[in-house]
Amino acid sequence: MGGVLPILLLILAGVLVGGALSLRRQGAPRGAVLTTAALAMLAAVAGGLWLLPGEGS
């Protein structure tokens, strides 16, 4: 499962970025757009950091 989780996190980040763009186009409140974008960035950073070589693996 160690190799699948970062890929799933990056996929989630892509879905959330698309959701944030869609929310913005639909005129959603700014807080909803920013929250979705922040979650997308968090998922992307987590997925990217998971792929870095480290001591645990």
PDB file of N, CA and C in Angstrom:
ATOM      1  N   MET A   1       0.829  -1.199   0.000  1.00  0.00           N
ATOM      2  CA  MET A   1       0.000   0.000   0.000  1.00  0.00           C
ATOM      3  C   MET A   1       0.865   1.253   0.000  1.00  0.00           C
ATOM      4  N   GLY A   2       2.145   1.107   0.340  1.00  0.00           N
ATOM      5  CA  GLY A   2       3.024   2.263   0.427  1.00  0.00           C
ATOM      6  C   GLY A   2       3.203   2.981  -0.896  1.00  0.00           C
ATOM      7  N   GLY A   3       3.166   2.268  -2.004  1.00  0.00           N
ATOM      8  CA  GLY A   3       3.336   2.901  -3.303  1.00  0.00           C
ATOM      9  C   GLY A   3       2.054   3.460  -3.887  1.00  0.00           C
ATOM     10  N   VAL A   4       0.931   3.012  -3.371  1.00  0.00           N
ATOM     11  CA  VAL A   4      -0.360   3.433  -3.916  1.00  0.00           C
ATOM     12  C   VAL A   4      -0.847   4.720  -3.261  1.00  0.00           C
ATOM     13  N   LEU A   5      -0.552   4.896  -1.989  1.00  0.00           N
ATOM     14  CA  LEU A   5      -1.075   6.039  -1.247  1.00  0.00           C
ATOM     15  C   LEU A   5      -0.658   7.391  -1.826  1.00  0.00           C
ATOM     16  N   PRO A   6       0.608   7.606  -2.205  1.00  0.00           N
ATOM     17  CA  PRO A   6       0.953   8.900  -2.784  1.00  0.00           C
ATOM     18  C   PRO A   6       0.230   9.162  -4.096  1.00  0.00           C
ATOM     19  N   ILE A   7       0.031   8.124  -4.867  1.00  0.00           N
ATOM     20  CA  ILE A   7      -0.685   8.297  -6.137  1.00  0.00           C
ATOM     21  C   ILE A   7      -2.131   8.678  -5.871  1.00  0.00           C
ATOM     22  N   LEU A   8      -2.746   8.037  -4.880  1.00  0.00           N
ATOM     23  CA  LEU A   8      -4.125   8.391  -4.523  1.00  0.00           C
ATOM     24  C   LEU A   8      -4.215   9.822  -4.006  1.00  0.00           C
ATOM     25  N   LEU A   9      -3.224  10.250  -3.237  1.00  0.00           N
ATOM     26  CA  LEU A   9      -3.222  11.632  -2.745  1.00  0.00           C
ATOM     27  C   LEU A   9      -3.089  12.626  -3.895  1.00  0.00           C
ATOM     28  N   LEU A  10      -2.257  12.311  -4.876  1.00  0.00           N
ATOM     29  CA  LEU A  10      -2.101  13.216  -6.018  1.00  0.00           C
ATOM     30  C   LEU A  10      -3.364  13.229  -6.884  1.00  0.00           C
ATOM     31  N   ILE A  11      -4.018  12.104  -7.005  1.00  0.00           N
ATOM     32  CA  ILE A  11      -5.299  12.065  -7.727  1.00  0.00           C
ATOM     33  C   ILE A  11      -6.335  12.898  -6.995  1.00  0.00           C
ATOM     34  N   LEU A  12      -6.382  12.759  -5.667  1.00  0.00           N
ATOM     35  CA  LEU A  12      -7.306  13.562  -4.862  1.00  0.00           C
ATOM     36  C   LEU A  12      -7.021  15.051  -5.033  1.00  0.00           C
ATOM     37  N   ALA A  13      -5.750  15.413  -5.086  1.00  0.00           N
ATOM     38  CA  ALA A  13      -5.387  16.814  -5.287  1.00  0.00           C
ATOM     39  C   ALA A  13      -5.922  17.323  -6.630  1.00  0.00           C
ATOM     40  N   GLY A  14      -5.799  16.516  -7.656  1.00  0.00           N
ATOM     41  CA  GLY A  14      -6.316  16.920  -8.966  1.00  0.00           C
ATOM     42  C   GLY A  14      -7.816  17.090  -8.974  1.00  0.00           C
ATOM     43  N   VAL A  15      -8.516  16.189  -8.310  1.00  0.00           N
ATOM     44  CA  VAL A  15      -9.975  16.291  -8.236  1.00  0.00           C
ATOM     45  C   VAL A  15     -10.371  17.554  -7.473  1.00  0.00           C
ATOM     46  N   LEU A  16      -9.653  17.841  -6.390  1.00  0.00           N
ATOM     47  CA  LEU A  16      -9.971  19.029  -5.600  1.00  0.00           C
ATOM     48  C   LEU A  16      -9.657  20.322  -6.349  1.00  0.00           C
ATOM     49  N   VAL A  17      -8.596  20.326  -7.141  1.00  0.00           N
ATOM     50  CA  VAL A  17      -8.296  21.511  -7.956  1.00  0.00           C
ATOM     51  C   VAL A  17      -9.421  21.737  -8.966  1.00  0.00           C
ATOM     52  N   GLY A  18      -9.859  20.660  -9.595  1.00  0.00           N
ATOM     53  CA  GLY A  18     -10.993  20.789 -10.519  1.00  0.00           C
ATOM     54  C   GLY A  18     -12.242  21.275  -9.820  1.00  0.00           C
ATOM     55  N   GLY A  19     -12.463  20.788  -8.610  1.00  0.00           N
ATOM     56  CA  GLY A  19     -13.613  21.245  -7.838  1.00  0.00           C
ATOM     57  C   GLY A  19     -13.522  22.709  -7.483  1.00  0.00           C
ATOM     58  N   ALA A  20     -12.330  23.158  -7.118  1.00  0.00           N
ATOM     59  CA  ALA A  20     -12.153  24.578  -6.783  1.00  0.00           C
ATOM     60  C   ALA A  20     -12.395  25.459  -8.000  1.00  0.00           C
ATOM     61  N   LEU A  21     -11.904  25.033  -9.148  1.00  0.00           N
ATOM     62  CA  LEU A  21     -12.139  25.813 -10.370  1.00  0.00           C
ATOM     63  C   LEU A  21     -13.624  25.843 -10.720  1.00  0.00           C
ATOM     64  N   SER A  22     -14.276  24.720 -10.568  1.00  0.00           N
ATOM     65  CA  SER A  22     -15.704  24.649 -10.849  1.00  0.00           C
ATOM     66  C   SER A  22     -16.499  25.534  -9.893  1.00  0.00           C
ATOM     67  N   LEU A  23     -16.136  25.487  -8.619  1.00  0.00           N
ATOM     68  CA  LEU A  23     -16.817  26.338  -7.646  1.00  0.00           C
ATOM     69  C   LEU A  23     -16.647  27.812  -7.992  1.00  0.00           C
ATOM     70  N   ARG A  24     -15.437  28.178  -8.405  1.00  0.00           N
ATOM     71  CA  ARG A  24     -15.177  29.584  -8.751  1.00  0.00           C
ATOM     72  C   ARG A  24     -16.015  30.025  -9.945  1.00  0.00           C
ATOM     73  N   ARG A  25     -16.107  29.164 -10.954  1.00  0.00           N
ATOM     74  CA  ARG A  25     -16.898  29.503 -12.149  1.00  0.00           C
ATOM     75  C   ARG A  25     -18.381  29.631 -11.829  1.00  0.00           C
ATOM     76  N   GLN A  26     -18.845  28.856 -10.843  1.00  0.00           N
ATOM     77  CA  GLN A  26     -20.259  28.883 -10.488  1.00  0.00           C
ATOM     78  C   GLN A  26     -20.604  30.026  -9.544  1.00  0.00           C
ATOM     79  N   GLY A  27     -19.597  30.761  -9.104  1.00  0.00           N
ATOM     80  CA  GLY A  27     -19.841  31.888  -8.227  1.00  0.00           C
ATOM     81  C   GLY A  27     -20.071  31.509  -6.779  1.00  0.00           C
ATOM     82  N   ALA A  28     -19.436  30.448  -6.335  1.00  0.00           N
ATOM     83  CA  ALA A  28     -19.573  29.998  -4.949  1.00  0.00           C
ATOM     84  C   ALA A  28     -18.893  31.010  -4.020  1.00  0.00           C
ATOM     85  N   PRO A  29     -19.243  30.975  -2.745  1.00  0.00           N
ATOM     86  CA  PRO A  29     -18.582  31.876  -1.796  1.00  0.00           C
ATOM     87  C   PRO A  29     -17.069  31.660  -1.780  1.00  0.00           C
ATOM     88  N   ARG A  30     -16.367  32.756  -1.540  1.00  0.00           N
ATOM     89  CA  ARG A  30     -14.908  32.704  -1.604  1.00  0.00           C
ATOM     90  C   ARG A  30     -14.323  31.722  -0.594  1.00  0.00           C
ATOM     91  N   GLY A  31     -14.933  31.606   0.565  1.00  0.00           N
ATOM     92  CA  GLY A  31     -14.440  30.690   1.583  1.00  0.00           C
ATOM     93  C   GLY A  31     -14.468  29.248   1.123  1.00  0.00           C
ATOM     94  N   ALA A  32     -15.512  28.871   0.400  1.00  0.00           N
ATOM     95  CA  ALA A  32     -15.613  27.501  -0.104  1.00  0.00           C
ATOM     96  C   ALA A  32     -14.527  27.221  -1.139  1.00  0.00           C
ATOM     97  N   VAL A  33     -14.266  28.200  -1.996  1.00  0.00           N
ATOM     98  CA  VAL A  33     -13.228  28.033  -3.017  1.00  0.00           C
ATOM     99  C   VAL A  33     -11.854  27.930  -2.361  1.00  0.00           C
ATOM    100  N   LEU A  34     -11.585  28.797  -1.398  1.00  0.00           N
ATOM    101  CA  LEU A  34     -10.285  28.786  -0.736  1.00  0.00           C
ATOM    102  C   LEU A  34     -10.073  27.517   0.088  1.00  0.00           C
ATOM    103  N   THR A  35     -11.133  27.042   0.729  1.00  0.00           N
ATOM    104  CA  THR A  35     -11.023  25.810   1.506  1.00  0.00           C
ATOM    105  C   THR A  35     -10.719  24.626   0.597  1.00  0.00           C
ATOM    106  N   THR A  36     -11.404  24.552  -0.518  1.00  0.00           N
ATOM    107  CA  THR A  36     -11.169  23.456  -1.464  1.00  0.00           C
ATOM    108  C   THR A  36      -9.765  23.540  -2.047  1.00  0.00           C
ATOM    109  N   ALA A  37      -9.326  24.746  -2.366  1.00  0.00           N
ATOM    110  CA  ALA A  37      -7.978  24.922  -2.908  1.00  0.00           C
ATOM    111  C   ALA A  37      -6.909  24.574  -1.863  1.00  0.00           C
ATOM    112  N   ALA A  38      -7.164  24.931  -0.610  1.00  0.00           N
ATOM    113  CA  ALA A  38      -6.210  24.612   0.454  1.00  0.00           C
ATOM    114  C   ALA A  38      -6.113  23.102   0.659  1.00  0.00           C
ATOM    115  N   LEU A  39      -7.240  22.421   0.611  1.00  0.00           N
ATOM    116  CA  LEU A  39      -7.220  20.961   0.735  1.00  0.00           C
ATOM    117  C   LEU A  39      -6.489  20.326  -0.446  1.00  0.00           C
ATOM    118  N   ALA A  40      -6.645  20.906  -1.632  1.00  0.00           N
ATOM    119  CA  ALA A  40      -5.934  20.394  -2.806  1.00  0.00           C
ATOM    120  C   ALA A  40      -4.429  20.553  -2.633  1.00  0.00           C
ATOM    121  N   MET A  41      -4.000  21.712  -2.139  1.00  0.00           N
ATOM    122  CA  MET A  41      -2.575  21.923  -1.923  1.00  0.00           C
ATOM    123  C   MET A  41      -2.033  20.990  -0.854  1.00  0.00           C
ATOM    124  N   LEU A  42      -2.806  20.779   0.188  1.00  0.00           N
ATOM    125  CA  LEU A  42      -2.378  19.880   1.257  1.00  0.00           C
ATOM    126  C   LEU A  42      -2.206  18.452   0.741  1.00  0.00           C
ATOM    127  N   ALA A  43      -3.152  18.000  -0.063  1.00  0.00           N
ATOM    128  CA  ALA A  43      -3.062  16.649  -0.626  1.00  0.00           C
ATOM    129  C   ALA A  43      -1.879  16.539  -1.588  1.00  0.00           C
ATOM    130  N   ALA A  44      -1.638  17.568  -2.387  1.00  0.00           N
ATOM    131  CA  ALA A  44      -0.527  17.532  -3.335  1.00  0.00           C
ATOM    132  C   ALA A  44       0.813  17.525  -2.605  1.00  0.00           C
ATOM    133  N   VAL A  45       0.943  18.347  -1.583  1.00  0.00           N
ATOM    134  CA  VAL A  45       2.194  18.388  -0.823  1.00  0.00           C
ATOM    135  C   VAL A  45       2.413  17.062  -0.097  1.00  0.00           C
ATOM    136  N   ALA A  46       1.360  16.515   0.491  1.00  0.00           N
ATOM    137  CA  ALA A  46       1.489  15.236   1.199  1.00  0.00           C
ATOM    138  C   ALA A  46       1.896  14.124   0.232  1.00  0.00           C
ATOM    139  N   GLY A  47       1.278  14.087  -0.934  1.00  0.00           N
ATOM    140  CA  GLY A  47       1.633  13.068  -1.927  1.00  0.00           C
ATOM    141  C   GLY A  47       3.057  13.230  -2.425  1.00  0.00           C
ATOM    142  N   GLY A  48       3.473  14.467  -2.633  1.00  0.00           N
ATOM    143  CA  GLY A  48       4.836  14.714  -3.090  1.00  0.00           C
ATOM    144  C   GLY A  48       5.871  14.371  -2.037  1.00  0.00           C
ATOM    145  N   LEU A  49       5.606  14.753  -0.801  1.00  0.00           N
ATOM    146  CA  LEU A  49       6.554  14.457   0.274  1.00  0.00           C
ATOM    147  C   LEU A  49       6.641  12.962   0.537  1.00  0.00           C
ATOM    148  N   TRP A  50       5.534  12.261   0.356  1.00  0.00           N
ATOM    149  CA  TRP A  50       5.533  10.820   0.586  1.00  0.00           C
ATOM    150  C   TRP A  50       6.484  10.115  -0.395  1.00  0.00           C
ATOM    151  N   LEU A  51       6.648  10.702  -1.574  1.00  0.00           N
ATOM    152  CA  LEU A  51       7.496  10.085  -2.599  1.00  0.00           C
ATOM    153  C   LEU A  51       8.980  10.339  -2.385  1.00  0.00           C
ATOM    154  N   LEU A  52       9.330  11.286  -1.505  1.00  0.00           N
ATOM    155  CA  LEU A  52      10.732  11.572  -1.258  1.00  0.00           C
ATOM    156  C   LEU A  52      11.375  10.397  -0.520  1.00  0.00           C
ATOM    157  N   PRO A  53      12.623  10.133  -0.841  1.00  0.00           N
ATOM    158  CA  PRO A  53      13.311   9.053  -0.129  1.00  0.00           C
ATOM    159  C   PRO A  53      13.538   9.451   1.321  1.00  0.00           C
ATOM    160  N   GLY A  54      13.436   8.483   2.201  1.00  0.00           N
ATOM    161  CA  GLY A  54      13.615   8.763   3.616  1.00  0.00           C
ATOM    162  C   GLY A  54      14.121   7.573   4.370  1.00  0.00           C
ATOM    163  N   GLU A  55      14.206   7.724   5.663  1.00  0.00           N
ATOM    164  CA  GLU A  55      14.735   6.670   6.511  1.00  0.00           C
ATOM    165  C   GLU A  55      13.730   5.541   6.736  1.00  0.00           C
ATOM    166  N   GLY A  56      12.429   5.857   6.673  1.00  0.00           N
ATOM    167  CA  GLY A  56      11.408   4.877   7.022  1.00  0.00           C
ATOM    168  C   GLY A  56      11.275   3.727   6.052  1.00  0.00           C
ATOM    169  N   SER A  57      11.620   3.932   4.790  1.00  0.00           N
ATOM    170  CA  SER A  57      11.437   2.856   3.829  1.00  0.00           C
ATOM    171  C   SER A  57      12.771   2.238   3.517  1.00  0.00           C
TER     172      SER A  57
END
